[in-house]
N, C-alpha and C. Protein backbone atom coordinates (compact mmCIF):
# COMPACT_ATOMS: atom_id res chain seq x y z
N MET A 1 0.65 -1.34 -0.04
CA MET A 1 0.18 -0.26 0.17
C MET A 1 1.13 1.26 0.02
N PRO A 2 0.91 2.17 -1.05
CA PRO A 2 1.62 3.35 -0.94
C PRO A 2 1.32 4.14 -0.08
N ARG A 3 2.19 5.07 0.47
CA ARG A 3 2.12 5.89 1.70
C ARG A 3 2.70 7.21 0.77
N ILE A 4 1.50 8.43 0.38
CA ILE A 4 1.98 9.54 0.21
C ILE A 4 1.44 10.73 1.60
N ALA A 5 2.37 11.67 1.58
CA ALA A 5 2.22 12.70 2.52
C ALA A 5 1.49 12.13 3.82
N GLY A 6 1.74 11.04 4.50
CA GLY A 6 0.90 10.44 5.67
C GLY A 6 -0.15 9.67 5.44
N VAL A 7 -0.87 9.43 3.82
CA VAL A 7 -1.63 9.20 3.88
C VAL A 7 -1.44 7.55 3.21
N ASN A 8 -2.01 6.50 3.26
CA ASN A 8 -2.28 4.99 2.68
C ASN A 8 -3.36 5.38 1.60
N ILE A 9 -3.02 5.12 0.75
CA ILE A 9 -2.99 4.99 -1.07
C ILE A 9 -4.45 3.87 -1.30
N PRO A 10 -5.58 3.68 -1.37
CA PRO A 10 -5.87 2.37 -1.60
C PRO A 10 -5.03 1.86 -3.04
N GLU A 11 -5.08 0.53 -2.91
CA GLU A 11 -4.29 -0.16 -3.88
C GLU A 11 -5.08 -0.37 -5.52
N ASN A 12 -6.19 -0.93 -4.92
CA ASN A 12 -7.25 -1.40 -6.08
C ASN A 12 -7.77 -0.13 -7.36
N LYS A 13 -7.49 1.12 -6.53
CA LYS A 13 -7.73 1.90 -8.02
C LYS A 13 -7.11 2.70 -8.53
N GLN A 14 -7.20 3.32 -9.42
CA GLN A 14 -6.29 4.17 -10.75
C GLN A 14 -5.58 4.96 -9.65
N ILE A 15 -4.51 5.82 -9.53
CA ILE A 15 -4.09 6.50 -9.10
C ILE A 15 -4.11 7.71 -9.51
N GLN A 16 -5.18 7.98 -10.41
CA GLN A 16 -5.50 9.09 -10.34
C GLN A 16 -6.74 9.72 -9.48
N ILE A 17 -7.39 8.60 -9.11
CA ILE A 17 -8.81 8.58 -8.20
C ILE A 17 -8.16 8.58 -6.75
N ALA A 18 -7.14 7.12 -6.68
CA ALA A 18 -6.12 7.09 -4.99
C ALA A 18 -5.94 8.60 -4.48
N LEU A 19 -5.07 9.06 -5.54
CA LEU A 19 -4.70 10.56 -5.10
C LEU A 19 -5.79 11.70 -4.40
N THR A 20 -7.33 11.49 -4.98
CA THR A 20 -7.96 11.86 -4.27
C THR A 20 -8.06 12.11 -2.20
N TYR A 21 -7.81 11.09 -2.15
CA TYR A 21 -8.11 10.36 -0.86
C TYR A 21 -7.38 11.33 0.11
N ILE A 22 -5.87 11.94 -0.57
CA ILE A 22 -5.14 13.08 0.18
C ILE A 22 -5.97 14.12 0.60
N TYR A 23 -6.16 14.86 1.70
CA TYR A 23 -6.75 16.18 2.01
C TYR A 23 -5.99 17.28 1.02
N GLY A 24 -7.54 17.61 0.30
CA GLY A 24 -6.70 18.88 -0.41
C GLY A 24 -6.36 18.59 -1.98
N ILE A 25 -6.16 17.30 -2.13
CA ILE A 25 -6.46 17.26 -3.53
C ILE A 25 -7.64 16.37 -4.09
N GLY A 26 -8.38 17.46 -5.13
CA GLY A 26 -9.22 16.56 -5.96
C GLY A 26 -8.79 16.06 -7.21
N ARG A 27 -9.53 15.72 -8.47
CA ARG A 27 -9.75 14.93 -9.18
C ARG A 27 -8.61 16.20 -10.10
N SER A 28 -9.27 17.14 -10.62
CA SER A 28 -8.53 18.33 -11.07
C SER A 28 -7.17 18.20 -11.34
N LEU A 29 -6.62 18.42 -9.75
CA LEU A 29 -5.39 18.62 -9.21
C LEU A 29 -4.92 17.15 -9.52
N SER A 30 -5.11 16.00 -9.08
CA SER A 30 -4.39 15.14 -8.94
C SER A 30 -4.14 14.74 -10.66
N LYS A 31 -5.43 15.02 -11.95
CA LYS A 31 -4.56 15.23 -12.99
C LYS A 31 -3.27 15.52 -13.40
N LYS A 32 -3.26 17.32 -13.10
CA LYS A 32 -2.26 18.12 -13.22
C LYS A 32 -0.90 17.02 -12.56
N ILE A 33 -1.35 16.76 -11.71
CA ILE A 33 0.00 16.37 -10.55
C ILE A 33 0.88 15.31 -11.76
N LEU A 34 0.22 14.36 -11.81
CA LEU A 34 0.33 13.34 -12.94
C LEU A 34 0.58 13.26 -14.00
N LYS A 35 0.44 14.24 -14.62
CA LYS A 35 1.05 15.35 -15.84
C LYS A 35 2.18 15.73 -15.67
N GLU A 36 2.34 16.26 -14.74
CA GLU A 36 4.03 16.99 -14.49
C GLU A 36 5.03 15.77 -14.33
N THR A 37 4.42 14.71 -13.39
CA THR A 37 5.55 13.39 -13.44
C THR A 37 5.75 12.69 -14.20
N GLY A 38 4.34 12.44 -15.46
CA GLY A 38 4.54 11.65 -16.37
C GLY A 38 4.09 10.15 -16.31
N VAL A 39 3.46 10.13 -14.97
CA VAL A 39 3.41 8.83 -14.53
C VAL A 39 1.33 8.64 -15.50
N ASN A 40 1.52 7.56 -15.70
CA ASN A 40 0.11 7.05 -16.28
C ASN A 40 -1.12 7.16 -15.59
N PRO A 41 -2.32 7.99 -15.43
CA PRO A 41 -2.93 8.09 -14.98
C PRO A 41 -4.25 6.71 -14.56
N LYS A 42 -3.92 6.12 -15.05
CA LYS A 42 -4.65 4.66 -15.91
C LYS A 42 -3.94 3.72 -14.64
N LYS A 43 -2.88 3.40 -14.46
CA LYS A 43 -2.00 2.75 -13.67
C LYS A 43 -2.95 2.77 -11.98
N LYS A 44 -3.06 1.27 -11.36
CA LYS A 44 -3.61 0.66 -10.78
C LYS A 44 -1.95 1.49 -9.37
N ALA A 45 -2.68 2.07 -8.34
CA ALA A 45 -2.08 2.06 -7.37
C ALA A 45 -1.11 1.09 -6.93
N VAL A 46 -1.23 -0.37 -7.09
CA VAL A 46 -0.02 -1.07 -7.07
C VAL A 46 1.05 -1.48 -7.49
N GLU A 47 0.76 -0.94 -9.25
CA GLU A 47 1.08 -1.07 -10.24
C GLU A 47 2.27 0.09 -10.42
N LEU A 48 2.37 1.02 -9.28
CA LEU A 48 3.19 2.23 -9.02
C LEU A 48 5.01 1.82 -8.67
N THR A 49 5.89 1.68 -9.74
CA THR A 49 6.94 1.59 -8.90
C THR A 49 7.56 2.55 -7.51
N ALA A 50 8.42 1.98 -6.91
CA ALA A 50 9.13 2.59 -5.59
C ALA A 50 9.59 4.24 -6.63
N GLN A 51 10.46 4.34 -7.76
CA GLN A 51 10.34 5.76 -8.36
C GLN A 51 9.28 6.48 -8.18
N GLU A 52 8.16 6.07 -9.13
CA GLU A 52 6.77 6.53 -9.57
C GLU A 52 6.59 7.53 -8.24
N VAL A 53 6.50 6.87 -6.92
CA VAL A 53 5.79 7.19 -5.93
C VAL A 53 6.80 8.17 -5.37
N SER A 54 8.10 8.26 -5.39
CA SER A 54 9.06 9.11 -4.96
C SER A 54 8.64 10.47 -5.68
N GLN A 55 8.76 10.29 -6.72
CA GLN A 55 8.30 11.02 -7.77
C GLN A 55 7.26 12.02 -7.24
N LEU A 56 6.24 10.94 -6.84
CA LEU A 56 4.83 11.82 -6.58
C LEU A 56 5.01 12.24 -5.23
N LYS A 57 5.49 11.78 -4.62
CA LYS A 57 5.95 11.97 -2.94
C LYS A 57 6.05 13.73 -3.47
N ASP A 58 7.31 13.75 -3.85
CA ASP A 58 8.31 14.63 -3.84
C ASP A 58 7.58 16.17 -4.42
N MET A 59 6.91 15.74 -5.64
CA MET A 59 6.21 17.03 -6.02
C MET A 59 4.64 17.51 -5.52
N ILE A 60 4.43 16.24 -4.48
CA ILE A 60 3.01 17.00 -3.97
C ILE A 60 3.48 18.05 -2.30
N GLU A 61 4.85 17.22 -1.99
CA GLU A 61 5.15 17.82 -1.00
C GLU A 61 6.03 19.10 -1.11
N LYS A 62 6.53 19.53 -2.09
CA LYS A 62 7.31 20.67 -2.51
C LYS A 62 6.15 22.18 -2.96
N ASN A 63 5.27 21.45 -3.41
CA ASN A 63 3.98 22.33 -4.47
C ASN A 63 3.19 22.85 -3.86
N TYR A 64 2.35 22.00 -3.38
CA TYR A 64 1.05 21.83 -2.84
C TYR A 64 1.33 21.77 -1.24
N LYS A 65 -0.19 22.80 -0.78
CA LYS A 65 -0.18 22.51 0.84
C LYS A 65 -1.49 21.40 1.31
N ILE A 66 -1.33 20.74 1.76
CA ILE A 66 -1.95 19.60 1.82
C ILE A 66 -2.05 18.93 3.33
N GLU A 67 -3.05 18.05 3.72
CA GLU A 67 -3.47 17.77 5.30
C GLU A 67 -3.64 18.12 6.31
N GLY A 68 -1.91 18.37 7.10
CA GLY A 68 -2.03 18.74 8.24
C GLY A 68 -2.07 20.89 8.21
N GLU A 69 -1.17 20.88 6.95
CA GLU A 69 -1.15 22.53 6.58
C GLU A 69 -2.63 23.31 6.28
N LEU A 70 -3.02 22.56 5.55
CA LEU A 70 -4.48 22.93 4.58
C LEU A 70 -5.20 23.19 5.76
N LYS A 71 -5.13 22.13 6.67
CA LYS A 71 -6.80 22.23 7.45
C LYS A 71 -6.10 23.37 8.81
N ARG A 72 -4.40 23.61 9.08
CA ARG A 72 -4.11 24.68 9.77
C ARG A 72 -4.86 26.19 9.12
N ILE A 73 -4.73 26.41 7.93
CA ILE A 73 -4.64 27.19 6.92
C ILE A 73 -6.19 27.95 7.45
N VAL A 74 -7.08 26.89 7.03
CA VAL A 74 -8.55 26.87 7.02
C VAL A 74 -8.76 27.51 8.69
N MET A 75 -8.40 26.59 9.21
CA MET A 75 -8.68 26.98 10.77
C MET A 75 -8.50 28.88 11.26
N LEU A 76 -7.11 29.04 11.12
CA LEU A 76 -7.14 29.99 11.04
C LEU A 76 -7.74 31.08 10.15
N ASN A 77 -8.06 30.90 9.49
CA ASN A 77 -9.28 31.93 8.38
C ASN A 77 -10.16 32.38 9.22
N ILE A 78 -10.98 30.85 9.64
CA ILE A 78 -12.05 30.63 9.92
C ILE A 78 -12.04 31.66 11.15
N LYS A 79 -11.33 31.42 12.40
CA LYS A 79 -10.63 32.14 13.21
C LYS A 79 -10.67 33.53 13.34
N ARG A 80 -9.94 34.06 12.45
CA ARG A 80 -9.88 35.94 11.97
C ARG A 80 -11.33 36.42 11.69
N LEU A 81 -11.64 35.38 10.87
CA LEU A 81 -13.32 36.10 10.53
C LEU A 81 -14.28 36.22 12.02
N LYS A 82 -13.57 35.11 13.31
CA LYS A 82 -14.37 35.48 14.38
C LYS A 82 -13.90 36.47 15.19
N ASP A 83 -12.22 36.67 14.71
CA ASP A 83 -11.43 37.97 15.98
C ASP A 83 -12.17 39.17 15.77
N ILE A 84 -12.59 39.42 13.94
CA ILE A 84 -12.66 40.64 13.58
C ILE A 84 -14.41 40.76 13.36
N SER A 85 -15.13 39.66 14.40
CA SER A 85 -16.72 40.09 13.90
C SER A 85 -17.17 39.87 12.64
N ALA A 86 -16.88 39.41 12.07
CA ALA A 86 -17.30 39.23 10.25
C ALA A 86 -18.92 38.76 10.17
N TRP A 87 -19.60 38.85 9.55
CA TRP A 87 -20.37 37.92 9.21
C TRP A 87 -20.41 36.87 9.44
N ARG A 88 -19.34 36.18 8.52
CA ARG A 88 -19.56 34.70 8.35
C ARG A 88 -18.99 34.51 9.82
N GLY A 89 -17.77 35.15 10.24
CA GLY A 89 -17.60 34.88 11.63
C GLY A 89 -18.19 34.46 12.81
N MET A 90 -19.39 35.57 12.29
CA MET A 90 -20.57 35.09 13.56
C MET A 90 -21.86 33.88 13.13
N ARG A 91 -21.87 33.95 11.80
CA ARG A 91 -22.60 32.91 11.29
C ARG A 91 -21.49 31.30 12.21
N HIS A 92 -20.17 31.12 11.68
CA HIS A 92 -19.57 30.16 11.88
C HIS A 92 -19.85 29.66 13.86
N MET A 93 -19.41 31.23 14.54
CA MET A 93 -19.79 31.08 16.28
C MET A 93 -21.31 30.09 16.19
N ARG A 94 -22.14 30.81 16.03
CA ARG A 94 -23.53 30.08 15.87
C ARG A 94 -24.11 29.10 15.43
N GLY A 95 -23.19 28.52 14.63
CA GLY A 95 -23.24 26.96 13.89
C GLY A 95 -24.25 27.32 13.31
N LEU A 96 -24.14 28.23 12.30
CA LEU A 96 -25.37 28.27 10.96
C LEU A 96 -24.75 28.35 9.59
N PRO A 97 -25.69 28.15 8.71
CA PRO A 97 -24.93 28.34 7.41
C PRO A 97 -24.46 29.84 7.07
N VAL A 98 -23.14 29.27 6.42
CA VAL A 98 -22.33 30.53 6.29
C VAL A 98 -22.40 31.10 5.40
N ARG A 99 -22.68 30.27 3.92
CA ARG A 99 -22.77 31.04 2.70
C ARG A 99 -23.79 31.45 1.91
N GLY A 100 -25.16 31.89 2.88
CA GLY A 100 -26.13 32.15 2.51
C GLY A 100 -27.35 31.62 2.36
N GLN A 101 -27.20 30.43 2.53
CA GLN A 101 -28.45 29.51 2.69
C GLN A 101 -29.53 29.78 3.63
N GLN A 102 -31.26 29.93 2.95
CA GLN A 102 -32.02 29.93 3.97
C GLN A 102 -31.73 28.91 5.18
N THR A 103 -32.76 29.27 6.24
CA THR A 103 -32.51 29.06 7.58
C THR A 103 -33.80 28.57 8.41
N ARG A 104 -34.64 29.10 7.41
CA ARG A 104 -36.26 28.69 8.11
C ARG A 104 -36.51 27.15 7.51
N THR A 105 -35.99 26.34 6.56
CA THR A 105 -36.14 24.57 6.58
C THR A 105 -34.68 24.63 6.00
N ASN A 106 -34.05 23.16 5.99
CA ASN A 106 -32.88 22.64 4.85
C ASN A 106 -31.61 23.18 5.97
N ASN A 107 -31.57 23.41 6.95
CA ASN A 107 -30.38 23.89 7.91
C ASN A 107 -30.18 22.67 8.77
N ARG A 108 -30.75 21.64 8.57
CA ARG A 108 -30.56 20.33 9.74
C ARG A 108 -28.97 19.80 9.86
N THR A 109 -28.34 19.79 9.27
CA THR A 109 -26.88 19.20 9.44
C THR A 109 -26.36 20.09 9.70
N VAL A 110 -26.83 21.43 9.54
CA VAL A 110 -25.50 22.50 10.46
C VAL A 110 -25.63 22.48 11.95
N ARG A 111 -27.18 22.43 12.14
CA ARG A 111 -27.19 23.01 13.24
C ARG A 111 -27.56 21.87 14.38
N GLY A 112 -26.89 20.55 13.46
CA GLY A 112 -27.79 19.02 14.37
C GLY A 112 -29.12 18.78 14.90
N ASN A 113 -29.83 19.15 13.57
CA ASN A 113 -31.14 17.99 13.42
C ASN A 113 -31.46 19.09 15.05
N VAL A 114 -31.94 20.01 15.03
CA VAL A 114 -32.84 20.83 15.99
C VAL A 114 -34.09 21.11 15.65
N ARG A 115 -35.26 19.90 15.91
CA ARG A 115 -36.39 19.87 16.02
C ARG A 115 -37.14 21.39 16.86
N LYS A 116 -37.96 22.59 16.55
CA LYS A 116 -38.33 23.07 17.74
C LYS A 116 -39.52 23.33 17.48
N THR A 117 -40.02 22.99 16.59
CA THR A 117 -41.46 23.06 15.93
C THR A 117 -42.20 22.10 16.61
N VAL A 118 -43.25 22.48 17.58
CA VAL A 118 -44.40 21.52 17.80
C VAL A 118 -45.94 21.79 18.05
N GLY A 119 -45.99 21.11 16.89
CA GLY A 119 -47.70 20.58 15.80
C GLY A 119 -47.98 21.65 16.32
N SER A 120 -49.20 22.29 16.59
CA SER A 120 -50.02 23.49 15.98
C SER A 120 -50.12 24.37 17.27
N GLY A 121 -49.49 24.09 18.27
CA GLY A 121 -49.17 25.54 19.56
C GLY A 121 -50.57 24.97 20.39
N ARG A 122 -51.53 24.84 19.77
CA ARG A 122 -52.44 25.09 20.84
C ARG A 122 -52.48 24.07 22.03
N LYS A 123 -53.21 24.14 23.02
CA LYS A 123 -52.96 22.95 24.50
C LYS A 123 -54.53 22.54 24.26
N PRO A 124 -54.50 21.27 25.32
CA PRO A 124 -56.32 20.98 24.77
C PRO A 124 -57.16 21.70 26.40
N ALA A 125 -57.85 21.89 25.96
CA ALA A 125 -58.64 22.44 26.93
C ALA A 125 -58.59 21.78 27.82
N ALA A 126 -59.15 22.72 29.31
CA ALA A 126 -58.97 21.68 31.03
C ALA A 126 -60.35 21.24 31.02
N THR A 127 -60.06 19.80 31.41
CA THR A 127 -61.40 19.20 31.44
C THR A 127 -62.32 19.87 33.05
N PRO A 128 -63.20 19.87 33.42
CA PRO A 128 -63.68 20.34 34.26
C PRO A 128 -64.17 19.31 35.31
N THR A 129 -63.58 19.33 36.67
CA THR A 129 -64.19 18.69 37.36
C THR A 129 -64.82 18.39 38.38
């Protein structure tokens, strides 16, 4: 199982898809990396030689921010927005959608599936004793 940037790459997948298991590398970036290193994108990860794996490692580690470094940058950007009390920072603090989505419905995943409405809201009439 090849290991690139601290991530175990799945063996049975094409290297073009297998590289996307690394945080910060998507399909288009993996195509670009493979084109620059000269590795066949249709090869399975098992079929890679040690030289090709080392080429990929060097290319990714030198030229791109991935995994921990990228997560740290994203976290610092969100912290900066919170510190300056920007609108997006306030939405992050309150745990609400940040990018302008509606909140009346359809934000269950962001809020943690909180259901606040209860039926019609009317209480049944008290029974006389």
